[in-house]
């Protein structure tokens, strides 16, 4: 994106939107790879209409699936918001951007998190702040890896097969850790 600060939806260019969706899908792919290794990522796609999809091997209601789901909107919000405390232009925080990413950037992700919350009930809700804090720490620490995959996805025109995505993730891990 051309401006690293918070961007309002009506000011996003087509290129900005493509970058945001690439970051969103890179977040999902990174999380699947982090939890399942090389078998975790099958295909990562971003379409010119702003839609995206990551095919991965993590399914069913479990904490790893929830992490894979959470990582997509998290990466989208991080790409859009950057690392500042609050946007100077609008006053929003990263938490606002994350909420917007769940509500405006991935209906499937929001539905899945609600489904898993209902499945686990009070245990998940009670543990949510701790889980989310741990996930945030991991995602923040590995943001350069996620960002490298998003950049590779953009350079590839929006499509990477699993083996190529995993190669980018592994290379970035060696470079940034």
N, C-alpha and C. Protein backbone atom coordinates (compact mmCIF):
# COMPACT_ATOMS: atom_id res chain seq x y z
N UNK A 1 0.84 -1.17 0.00
CA UNK A 1 0.00 0.00 0.00
C UNK A 1 0.89 1.23 0.00
N UNK A 2 0.40 2.27 -0.58
CA UNK A 2 1.21 3.46 -0.72
C UNK A 2 1.34 4.25 0.57
N UNK A 3 0.40 4.15 1.47
CA UNK A 3 0.40 4.91 2.72
C UNK A 3 0.30 3.93 3.88
N UNK A 4 1.31 3.87 4.78
CA UNK A 4 1.30 2.87 5.84
C UNK A 4 0.33 3.18 6.99
N UNK A 5 -0.35 4.30 6.96
CA UNK A 5 -1.29 4.62 8.03
C UNK A 5 -2.66 4.04 7.72
N UNK A 6 -3.57 4.18 8.66
CA UNK A 6 -4.93 3.69 8.49
C UNK A 6 -5.55 4.29 7.24
N UNK A 7 -6.19 3.47 6.43
CA UNK A 7 -6.85 3.94 5.21
C UNK A 7 -8.34 3.70 5.34
N UNK A 8 -9.12 4.63 4.94
CA UNK A 8 -10.57 4.49 4.97
C UNK A 8 -11.03 3.71 3.75
N UNK A 9 -12.08 2.88 3.88
CA UNK A 9 -12.50 2.03 2.77
C UNK A 9 -12.77 2.81 1.47
N UNK A 10 -13.31 4.01 1.56
CA UNK A 10 -13.63 4.74 0.34
C UNK A 10 -12.39 5.33 -0.32
N UNK A 11 -11.24 5.28 0.34
CA UNK A 11 -10.02 5.82 -0.26
C UNK A 11 -9.09 4.72 -0.76
N UNK A 12 -9.50 3.48 -0.71
CA UNK A 12 -8.66 2.39 -1.17
C UNK A 12 -8.70 2.28 -2.69
N UNK A 13 -7.53 2.17 -3.29
CA UNK A 13 -7.46 1.93 -4.72
C UNK A 13 -7.63 0.43 -4.97
N UNK A 14 -7.80 0.05 -6.23
CA UNK A 14 -7.89 -1.37 -6.56
C UNK A 14 -6.61 -2.10 -6.15
N UNK A 15 -5.48 -1.44 -6.31
CA UNK A 15 -4.20 -2.03 -5.91
C UNK A 15 -4.13 -2.21 -4.39
N UNK A 16 -4.61 -1.21 -3.65
CA UNK A 16 -4.65 -1.32 -2.18
C UNK A 16 -5.52 -2.50 -1.75
N UNK A 17 -6.69 -2.63 -2.38
CA UNK A 17 -7.60 -3.72 -2.04
C UNK A 17 -6.96 -5.07 -2.33
N UNK A 18 -6.29 -5.19 -3.47
CA UNK A 18 -5.61 -6.43 -3.82
C UNK A 18 -4.55 -6.75 -2.77
N UNK A 19 -3.78 -5.73 -2.34
CA UNK A 19 -2.75 -5.92 -1.30
C UNK A 19 -3.37 -6.37 0.02
N UNK A 20 -4.51 -5.78 0.40
CA UNK A 20 -5.18 -6.15 1.65
C UNK A 20 -5.65 -7.60 1.60
N UNK A 21 -6.27 -7.98 0.49
CA UNK A 21 -6.76 -9.36 0.36
C UNK A 21 -5.58 -10.33 0.31
N UNK A 22 -4.50 -9.96 -0.35
CA UNK A 22 -3.30 -10.81 -0.37
C UNK A 22 -2.77 -10.99 1.05
N UNK A 23 -2.77 -9.93 1.84
CA UNK A 23 -2.31 -10.03 3.24
C UNK A 23 -3.25 -10.92 4.04
N UNK A 24 -4.55 -10.77 3.83
CA UNK A 24 -5.56 -11.58 4.53
C UNK A 24 -5.31 -13.06 4.24
N UNK A 25 -5.20 -13.40 2.97
CA UNK A 25 -5.00 -14.80 2.60
C UNK A 25 -3.63 -15.31 3.04
N UNK A 26 -2.62 -14.44 3.01
CA UNK A 26 -1.30 -14.83 3.50
C UNK A 26 -1.35 -15.14 4.99
N UNK A 27 -2.17 -14.40 5.73
CA UNK A 27 -2.34 -14.69 7.16
C UNK A 27 -2.89 -16.08 7.39
N UNK A 28 -3.93 -16.44 6.63
CA UNK A 28 -4.49 -17.80 6.75
C UNK A 28 -3.44 -18.85 6.39
N UNK A 29 -2.74 -18.63 5.28
CA UNK A 29 -1.75 -19.61 4.81
C UNK A 29 -0.61 -19.75 5.82
N UNK A 30 -0.12 -18.63 6.34
CA UNK A 30 0.94 -18.68 7.35
C UNK A 30 0.49 -19.52 8.55
N UNK A 31 -0.72 -19.24 9.04
CA UNK A 31 -1.20 -19.94 10.24
C UNK A 31 -1.36 -21.43 10.00
N UNK A 32 -1.86 -21.81 8.82
CA UNK A 32 -2.00 -23.23 8.49
C UNK A 32 -0.61 -23.89 8.43
N UNK A 33 0.35 -23.18 7.84
CA UNK A 33 1.72 -23.68 7.76
C UNK A 33 2.35 -23.77 9.15
N UNK A 34 2.11 -22.75 9.98
CA UNK A 34 2.68 -22.74 11.33
C UNK A 34 2.15 -23.88 12.17
N UNK A 35 0.90 -24.28 11.94
CA UNK A 35 0.30 -25.35 12.74
C UNK A 35 0.49 -26.74 12.12
N UNK A 36 0.53 -26.82 10.79
CA UNK A 36 0.57 -28.12 10.12
C UNK A 36 1.83 -28.38 9.31
N UNK A 37 2.69 -27.38 9.18
CA UNK A 37 3.90 -27.56 8.39
C UNK A 37 3.61 -27.57 6.90
N UNK A 38 4.44 -28.29 6.15
CA UNK A 38 4.35 -28.23 4.69
C UNK A 38 3.03 -28.77 4.15
N UNK A 39 2.34 -29.60 4.89
CA UNK A 39 1.05 -30.14 4.42
C UNK A 39 -0.09 -29.16 4.68
N UNK A 40 0.20 -28.06 5.35
CA UNK A 40 -0.86 -27.14 5.76
C UNK A 40 -1.43 -26.26 4.68
N UNK A 41 -0.68 -25.98 3.63
CA UNK A 41 -1.13 -25.03 2.61
C UNK A 41 -1.23 -25.74 1.27
N UNK A 42 -2.41 -25.65 0.65
CA UNK A 42 -2.61 -26.29 -0.66
C UNK A 42 -2.64 -25.29 -1.80
N UNK A 43 -3.33 -24.16 -1.61
CA UNK A 43 -3.43 -23.15 -2.66
C UNK A 43 -3.89 -21.84 -2.04
N UNK A 44 -3.30 -20.73 -2.48
CA UNK A 44 -3.66 -19.39 -2.00
C UNK A 44 -4.01 -18.57 -3.23
N UNK A 45 -5.21 -17.95 -3.21
CA UNK A 45 -5.67 -17.19 -4.38
C UNK A 45 -6.25 -15.85 -3.97
N UNK A 46 -6.02 -14.86 -4.82
CA UNK A 46 -6.66 -13.55 -4.72
C UNK A 46 -7.18 -13.22 -6.10
N UNK A 47 -8.46 -12.88 -6.19
CA UNK A 47 -9.06 -12.53 -7.48
C UNK A 47 -9.07 -11.01 -7.66
N UNK A 48 -9.18 -10.59 -8.90
CA UNK A 48 -9.18 -9.15 -9.19
C UNK A 48 -10.41 -8.44 -8.62
N UNK A 49 -11.47 -9.20 -8.30
CA UNK A 49 -12.67 -8.58 -7.73
C UNK A 49 -12.56 -8.35 -6.22
N UNK A 50 -11.40 -8.68 -5.64
CA UNK A 50 -11.20 -8.47 -4.21
C UNK A 50 -11.55 -9.66 -3.35
N UNK A 51 -11.89 -10.77 -3.95
CA UNK A 51 -12.15 -11.98 -3.16
C UNK A 51 -10.88 -12.80 -3.06
N UNK A 52 -10.85 -13.68 -2.10
CA UNK A 52 -9.68 -14.53 -1.92
C UNK A 52 -10.05 -15.84 -1.26
N UNK A 53 -9.16 -16.81 -1.36
CA UNK A 53 -9.40 -18.12 -0.75
C UNK A 53 -8.07 -18.79 -0.48
N UNK A 54 -7.97 -19.41 0.69
CA UNK A 54 -6.81 -20.21 1.03
C UNK A 54 -7.30 -21.62 1.32
N UNK A 55 -6.79 -22.57 0.57
CA UNK A 55 -7.11 -23.98 0.82
C UNK A 55 -6.02 -24.54 1.70
N UNK A 56 -6.43 -25.08 2.83
CA UNK A 56 -5.46 -25.60 3.79
C UNK A 56 -5.99 -26.89 4.40
N UNK A 57 -5.16 -27.54 5.15
CA UNK A 57 -5.51 -28.84 5.71
C UNK A 57 -6.09 -28.79 7.11
N UNK A 58 -6.42 -27.63 7.60
CA UNK A 58 -6.93 -27.50 8.97
C UNK A 58 -8.45 -27.33 8.94
N UNK A 59 -9.17 -28.30 9.47
CA UNK A 59 -10.63 -28.23 9.51
C UNK A 59 -11.13 -28.65 10.87
N UNK A 60 -12.39 -28.40 11.10
CA UNK A 60 -13.03 -28.82 12.34
C UNK A 60 -12.80 -27.85 13.47
N UNK A 61 -13.67 -27.90 14.45
CA UNK A 61 -13.56 -26.96 15.58
C UNK A 61 -12.46 -27.35 16.55
N UNK A 62 -11.33 -26.70 16.44
CA UNK A 62 -10.23 -26.89 17.38
C UNK A 62 -9.44 -25.60 17.42
N UNK A 63 -8.59 -25.41 18.43
CA UNK A 63 -7.85 -24.15 18.54
C UNK A 63 -6.97 -23.84 17.33
N UNK A 64 -6.43 -24.85 16.67
CA UNK A 64 -5.62 -24.57 15.48
C UNK A 64 -6.47 -24.00 14.36
N UNK A 65 -7.67 -24.54 14.16
CA UNK A 65 -8.56 -24.01 13.14
C UNK A 65 -8.96 -22.57 13.46
N UNK A 66 -9.21 -22.31 14.72
CA UNK A 66 -9.56 -20.95 15.12
C UNK A 66 -8.40 -19.99 14.85
N UNK A 67 -7.17 -20.44 15.11
CA UNK A 67 -5.99 -19.61 14.84
C UNK A 67 -5.86 -19.33 13.34
N UNK A 68 -6.06 -20.34 12.51
CA UNK A 68 -5.99 -20.17 11.05
C UNK A 68 -7.04 -19.15 10.61
N UNK A 69 -8.23 -19.25 11.17
CA UNK A 69 -9.30 -18.30 10.82
C UNK A 69 -8.95 -16.89 11.26
N UNK A 70 -8.50 -16.74 12.49
CA UNK A 70 -8.18 -15.43 13.07
C UNK A 70 -7.05 -14.74 12.32
N UNK A 71 -6.07 -15.50 11.85
CA UNK A 71 -4.88 -14.93 11.24
C UNK A 71 -5.16 -14.15 9.96
N UNK A 72 -6.20 -14.52 9.22
CA UNK A 72 -6.52 -13.81 7.98
C UNK A 72 -6.95 -12.36 8.24
N UNK A 73 -8.03 -12.16 9.00
CA UNK A 73 -8.42 -10.78 9.31
C UNK A 73 -7.34 -10.02 10.08
N UNK A 74 -6.60 -10.72 10.94
CA UNK A 74 -5.52 -10.04 11.67
C UNK A 74 -4.51 -9.46 10.68
N UNK A 75 -4.08 -10.26 9.69
CA UNK A 75 -3.08 -9.79 8.72
C UNK A 75 -3.64 -8.66 7.86
N UNK A 76 -4.91 -8.75 7.52
CA UNK A 76 -5.54 -7.68 6.75
C UNK A 76 -5.52 -6.38 7.54
N UNK A 77 -5.89 -6.47 8.82
CA UNK A 77 -5.90 -5.28 9.68
C UNK A 77 -4.49 -4.73 9.88
N UNK A 78 -3.52 -5.61 10.05
CA UNK A 78 -2.14 -5.17 10.25
C UNK A 78 -1.60 -4.47 9.00
N UNK A 79 -1.90 -5.01 7.83
CA UNK A 79 -1.46 -4.37 6.58
C UNK A 79 -2.10 -2.99 6.45
N UNK A 80 -3.35 -2.91 6.82
CA UNK A 80 -4.07 -1.65 6.65
C UNK A 80 -3.69 -0.63 7.71
N UNK A 81 -3.48 -1.09 8.92
CA UNK A 81 -3.29 -0.18 10.03
C UNK A 81 -1.83 0.12 10.33
N UNK A 82 -0.95 -0.80 10.07
CA UNK A 82 0.44 -0.61 10.44
C UNK A 82 0.65 -0.95 11.91
N UNK A 83 1.68 -0.37 12.51
CA UNK A 83 2.03 -0.70 13.89
C UNK A 83 1.86 0.46 14.85
N UNK A 84 1.18 1.53 14.44
CA UNK A 84 0.99 2.68 15.31
C UNK A 84 -0.01 2.42 16.42
N UNK A 85 0.00 3.28 17.41
CA UNK A 85 -0.95 3.16 18.52
C UNK A 85 -2.36 3.52 18.10
N UNK A 86 -2.52 4.63 17.38
CA UNK A 86 -3.82 5.05 16.88
C UNK A 86 -3.58 5.88 15.62
N UNK A 87 -4.53 5.80 14.72
CA UNK A 87 -4.43 6.56 13.47
C UNK A 87 -4.59 8.04 13.77
N UNK A 88 -3.67 8.84 13.29
CA UNK A 88 -3.74 10.28 13.51
C UNK A 88 -4.96 10.87 12.81
N UNK A 89 -5.29 10.35 11.62
CA UNK A 89 -6.39 10.91 10.83
C UNK A 89 -7.77 10.60 11.42
N UNK A 90 -7.96 9.36 11.93
CA UNK A 90 -9.32 8.97 12.35
C UNK A 90 -9.41 8.56 13.82
N UNK A 91 -8.28 8.37 14.49
CA UNK A 91 -8.30 8.00 15.90
C UNK A 91 -8.54 6.52 16.16
N UNK A 92 -8.71 5.71 15.12
CA UNK A 92 -8.97 4.28 15.31
C UNK A 92 -7.70 3.56 15.77
N UNK A 93 -7.91 2.48 16.49
CA UNK A 93 -6.81 1.64 16.94
C UNK A 93 -6.75 0.38 16.08
N UNK A 94 -5.74 -0.43 16.29
CA UNK A 94 -5.64 -1.70 15.58
C UNK A 94 -6.87 -2.57 15.86
N UNK A 95 -7.35 -2.53 17.09
CA UNK A 95 -8.54 -3.32 17.44
C UNK A 95 -9.74 -2.94 16.58
N UNK A 96 -9.90 -1.64 16.29
CA UNK A 96 -10.96 -1.20 15.38
C UNK A 96 -10.76 -1.81 14.00
N UNK A 97 -9.52 -1.75 13.52
CA UNK A 97 -9.21 -2.28 12.19
C UNK A 97 -9.45 -3.78 12.14
N UNK A 98 -9.12 -4.50 13.20
CA UNK A 98 -9.35 -5.94 13.24
C UNK A 98 -10.84 -6.25 13.23
N UNK A 99 -11.62 -5.50 14.00
CA UNK A 99 -13.07 -5.68 14.00
C UNK A 99 -13.64 -5.43 12.61
N UNK A 100 -13.18 -4.39 11.95
CA UNK A 100 -13.63 -4.09 10.59
C UNK A 100 -13.23 -5.21 9.63
N UNK A 101 -12.04 -5.76 9.80
CA UNK A 101 -11.59 -6.84 8.91
C UNK A 101 -12.48 -8.06 9.07
N UNK A 102 -12.89 -8.37 10.28
CA UNK A 102 -13.80 -9.50 10.48
C UNK A 102 -15.17 -9.22 9.90
N UNK A 103 -15.66 -8.00 10.05
CA UNK A 103 -17.01 -7.68 9.60
C UNK A 103 -17.10 -7.30 8.13
N UNK A 104 -16.03 -6.73 7.58
CA UNK A 104 -16.08 -6.27 6.19
C UNK A 104 -15.16 -7.05 5.27
N UNK A 105 -14.26 -7.83 5.84
CA UNK A 105 -13.27 -8.47 4.99
C UNK A 105 -13.37 -9.97 4.93
N UNK A 106 -14.27 -10.54 5.68
CA UNK A 106 -14.33 -12.00 5.65
C UNK A 106 -15.53 -12.54 6.38
N UNK A 107 -16.69 -12.55 5.71
CA UNK A 107 -17.89 -13.08 6.34
C UNK A 107 -17.71 -14.52 6.76
N UNK A 108 -17.00 -15.30 5.95
CA UNK A 108 -16.75 -16.69 6.30
C UNK A 108 -15.95 -16.79 7.59
N UNK A 109 -14.97 -15.91 7.76
CA UNK A 109 -14.14 -15.94 8.96
C UNK A 109 -14.97 -15.62 10.20
N UNK A 110 -15.80 -14.61 10.13
CA UNK A 110 -16.65 -14.24 11.26
C UNK A 110 -17.61 -15.38 11.60
N UNK A 111 -18.21 -15.97 10.58
CA UNK A 111 -19.14 -17.08 10.81
C UNK A 111 -18.43 -18.27 11.45
N UNK A 112 -17.20 -18.57 10.98
CA UNK A 112 -16.45 -19.69 11.57
C UNK A 112 -16.11 -19.43 13.02
N UNK A 113 -15.66 -18.22 13.34
CA UNK A 113 -15.32 -17.92 14.74
C UNK A 113 -16.57 -18.03 15.61
N UNK A 114 -17.71 -17.58 15.12
CA UNK A 114 -18.96 -17.70 15.89
C UNK A 114 -19.34 -19.16 16.07
N UNK A 115 -19.17 -19.95 15.01
CA UNK A 115 -19.48 -21.38 15.09
C UNK A 115 -18.61 -22.07 16.13
N UNK A 116 -17.30 -21.77 16.12
CA UNK A 116 -16.41 -22.40 17.08
C UNK A 116 -16.69 -21.90 18.49
N UNK A 117 -17.06 -20.65 18.64
CA UNK A 117 -17.43 -20.13 19.96
C UNK A 117 -18.65 -20.88 20.49
N UNK A 118 -19.63 -21.11 19.63
CA UNK A 118 -20.84 -21.84 20.05
C UNK A 118 -20.49 -23.29 20.39
N UNK A 119 -19.59 -23.90 19.60
CA UNK A 119 -19.21 -25.29 19.83
C UNK A 119 -18.52 -25.45 21.18
N UNK A 120 -17.56 -24.56 21.46
CA UNK A 120 -16.81 -24.66 22.70
C UNK A 120 -17.52 -24.04 23.88
N UNK A 121 -18.44 -23.15 23.62
CA UNK A 121 -19.22 -22.53 24.69
C UNK A 121 -18.36 -21.64 25.58
N UNK A 122 -18.67 -21.67 26.85
CA UNK A 122 -18.04 -20.77 27.83
C UNK A 122 -16.53 -20.97 27.90
N UNK A 123 -16.06 -22.18 27.69
CA UNK A 123 -14.62 -22.44 27.80
C UNK A 123 -13.85 -21.58 26.79
N UNK A 124 -14.34 -21.52 25.57
CA UNK A 124 -13.66 -20.72 24.54
C UNK A 124 -13.76 -19.24 24.87
N UNK A 125 -14.94 -18.79 25.25
CA UNK A 125 -15.15 -17.37 25.56
C UNK A 125 -14.28 -16.96 26.74
N UNK A 126 -14.21 -17.81 27.77
CA UNK A 126 -13.39 -17.50 28.94
C UNK A 126 -11.90 -17.46 28.58
N UNK A 127 -11.47 -18.34 27.69
CA UNK A 127 -10.06 -18.41 27.29
C UNK A 127 -9.72 -17.44 26.16
N UNK A 128 -10.73 -16.85 25.53
CA UNK A 128 -10.51 -16.01 24.35
C UNK A 128 -9.47 -14.91 24.56
N UNK A 129 -9.52 -14.13 25.65
CA UNK A 129 -8.49 -13.08 25.79
C UNK A 129 -7.07 -13.64 25.84
N UNK A 130 -6.88 -14.76 26.53
CA UNK A 130 -5.55 -15.37 26.61
C UNK A 130 -5.11 -15.95 25.26
N UNK A 131 -6.05 -16.65 24.59
CA UNK A 131 -5.75 -17.19 23.27
C UNK A 131 -5.40 -16.07 22.30
N UNK A 132 -6.22 -15.06 22.30
CA UNK A 132 -6.02 -13.94 21.37
C UNK A 132 -4.69 -13.24 21.64
N UNK A 133 -4.35 -13.05 22.90
CA UNK A 133 -3.07 -12.42 23.24
C UNK A 133 -1.90 -13.27 22.74
N UNK A 134 -1.99 -14.59 22.92
CA UNK A 134 -0.93 -15.48 22.44
C UNK A 134 -0.86 -15.46 20.92
N UNK A 135 -2.01 -15.51 20.26
CA UNK A 135 -2.03 -15.47 18.80
C UNK A 135 -1.45 -14.14 18.30
N UNK A 136 -1.83 -13.03 18.93
CA UNK A 136 -1.31 -11.72 18.53
C UNK A 136 0.21 -11.67 18.64
N UNK A 137 0.76 -12.21 19.74
CA UNK A 137 2.21 -12.23 19.91
C UNK A 137 2.89 -13.02 18.79
N UNK A 138 2.33 -14.18 18.48
CA UNK A 138 2.92 -15.01 17.43
C UNK A 138 2.83 -14.29 16.07
N UNK A 139 1.68 -13.74 15.76
CA UNK A 139 1.48 -13.07 14.48
C UNK A 139 2.34 -11.81 14.36
N UNK A 140 2.44 -11.04 15.44
CA UNK A 140 3.30 -9.84 15.43
C UNK A 140 4.75 -10.25 15.18
N UNK A 141 5.21 -11.29 15.89
CA UNK A 141 6.59 -11.74 15.74
C UNK A 141 6.90 -12.25 14.34
N UNK A 142 5.91 -12.84 13.69
CA UNK A 142 6.12 -13.41 12.37
C UNK A 142 5.52 -12.56 11.25
N UNK A 143 5.18 -11.30 11.57
CA UNK A 143 4.63 -10.42 10.54
C UNK A 143 5.54 -10.32 9.30
N UNK A 144 6.88 -10.24 9.44
CA UNK A 144 7.70 -10.19 8.22
C UNK A 144 7.52 -11.43 7.34
N UNK A 145 7.26 -12.57 7.94
CA UNK A 145 7.04 -13.81 7.17
C UNK A 145 5.70 -13.73 6.44
N UNK A 146 4.67 -13.28 7.13
CA UNK A 146 3.34 -13.14 6.52
C UNK A 146 3.41 -12.11 5.40
N UNK A 147 4.07 -11.01 5.66
CA UNK A 147 4.20 -9.93 4.67
C UNK A 147 4.96 -10.41 3.43
N UNK A 148 5.98 -11.23 3.63
CA UNK A 148 6.74 -11.77 2.49
C UNK A 148 5.85 -12.64 1.61
N UNK A 149 4.97 -13.44 2.23
CA UNK A 149 4.06 -14.27 1.45
C UNK A 149 3.05 -13.40 0.71
N UNK A 150 2.54 -12.37 1.37
CA UNK A 150 1.59 -11.47 0.70
C UNK A 150 2.24 -10.81 -0.51
N UNK A 151 3.48 -10.36 -0.35
CA UNK A 151 4.20 -9.73 -1.47
C UNK A 151 4.42 -10.72 -2.61
N UNK A 152 4.78 -11.94 -2.27
CA UNK A 152 4.98 -12.97 -3.30
C UNK A 152 3.66 -13.27 -4.02
N UNK A 153 2.57 -13.28 -3.28
CA UNK A 153 1.25 -13.51 -3.87
C UNK A 153 0.89 -12.40 -4.86
N UNK A 154 1.18 -11.17 -4.50
CA UNK A 154 0.93 -10.04 -5.40
C UNK A 154 1.81 -10.17 -6.65
N UNK A 155 3.09 -10.46 -6.45
CA UNK A 155 4.02 -10.60 -7.60
C UNK A 155 3.60 -11.73 -8.53
N UNK A 156 2.99 -12.78 -7.96
CA UNK A 156 2.57 -13.94 -8.75
C UNK A 156 1.21 -13.70 -9.43
N UNK A 157 0.65 -12.53 -9.26
CA UNK A 157 -0.63 -12.23 -9.89
C UNK A 157 -1.82 -12.77 -9.13
N UNK A 158 -1.60 -13.20 -7.89
CA UNK A 158 -2.72 -13.60 -7.04
C UNK A 158 -2.92 -15.08 -6.86
N UNK A 159 -1.98 -15.91 -7.28
CA UNK A 159 -2.17 -17.35 -7.13
C UNK A 159 -0.84 -18.03 -6.85
N UNK A 160 -0.79 -18.76 -5.75
CA UNK A 160 0.37 -19.59 -5.42
C UNK A 160 -0.11 -20.97 -4.99
N UNK A 161 0.46 -22.00 -5.57
CA UNK A 161 0.15 -23.34 -5.11
C UNK A 161 0.91 -23.61 -3.81
N UNK A 162 0.45 -24.58 -3.08
CA UNK A 162 0.98 -24.86 -1.75
C UNK A 162 2.49 -24.94 -1.68
N UNK A 163 3.10 -25.70 -2.60
CA UNK A 163 4.54 -25.88 -2.55
C UNK A 163 5.26 -24.55 -2.71
N UNK A 164 4.74 -23.66 -3.57
CA UNK A 164 5.37 -22.36 -3.77
C UNK A 164 5.16 -21.45 -2.56
N UNK A 165 3.96 -21.49 -2.00
CA UNK A 165 3.68 -20.69 -0.80
C UNK A 165 4.55 -21.14 0.36
N UNK A 166 4.69 -22.44 0.53
CA UNK A 166 5.53 -22.98 1.62
C UNK A 166 6.99 -22.60 1.41
N UNK A 167 7.46 -22.61 0.17
CA UNK A 167 8.84 -22.21 -0.10
C UNK A 167 9.07 -20.76 0.30
N UNK A 168 8.11 -19.88 0.02
CA UNK A 168 8.22 -18.48 0.42
C UNK A 168 8.24 -18.37 1.94
N UNK A 169 7.34 -19.08 2.61
CA UNK A 169 7.26 -19.03 4.08
C UNK A 169 8.56 -19.53 4.71
N UNK A 170 9.08 -20.65 4.22
CA UNK A 170 10.31 -21.20 4.79
C UNK A 170 11.50 -20.29 4.54
N UNK A 171 11.59 -19.73 3.35
CA UNK A 171 12.67 -18.80 3.04
C UNK A 171 12.59 -17.56 3.92
N UNK A 172 11.38 -17.02 4.07
CA UNK A 172 11.20 -15.82 4.91
C UNK A 172 11.53 -16.13 6.37
N UNK A 173 11.17 -17.32 6.83
CA UNK A 173 11.50 -17.68 8.23
C UNK A 173 13.01 -17.68 8.43
N UNK A 174 13.73 -18.22 7.49
CA UNK A 174 15.19 -18.22 7.60
C UNK A 174 15.76 -16.82 7.56
N UNK A 175 15.17 -15.95 6.77
CA UNK A 175 15.66 -14.59 6.62
C UNK A 175 15.35 -13.71 7.83
N UNK A 176 14.17 -13.89 8.42
CA UNK A 176 13.71 -12.96 9.44
C UNK A 176 13.82 -13.44 10.87
N UNK A 177 14.20 -14.68 11.09
CA UNK A 177 14.34 -15.16 12.48
C UNK A 177 15.75 -15.22 12.89
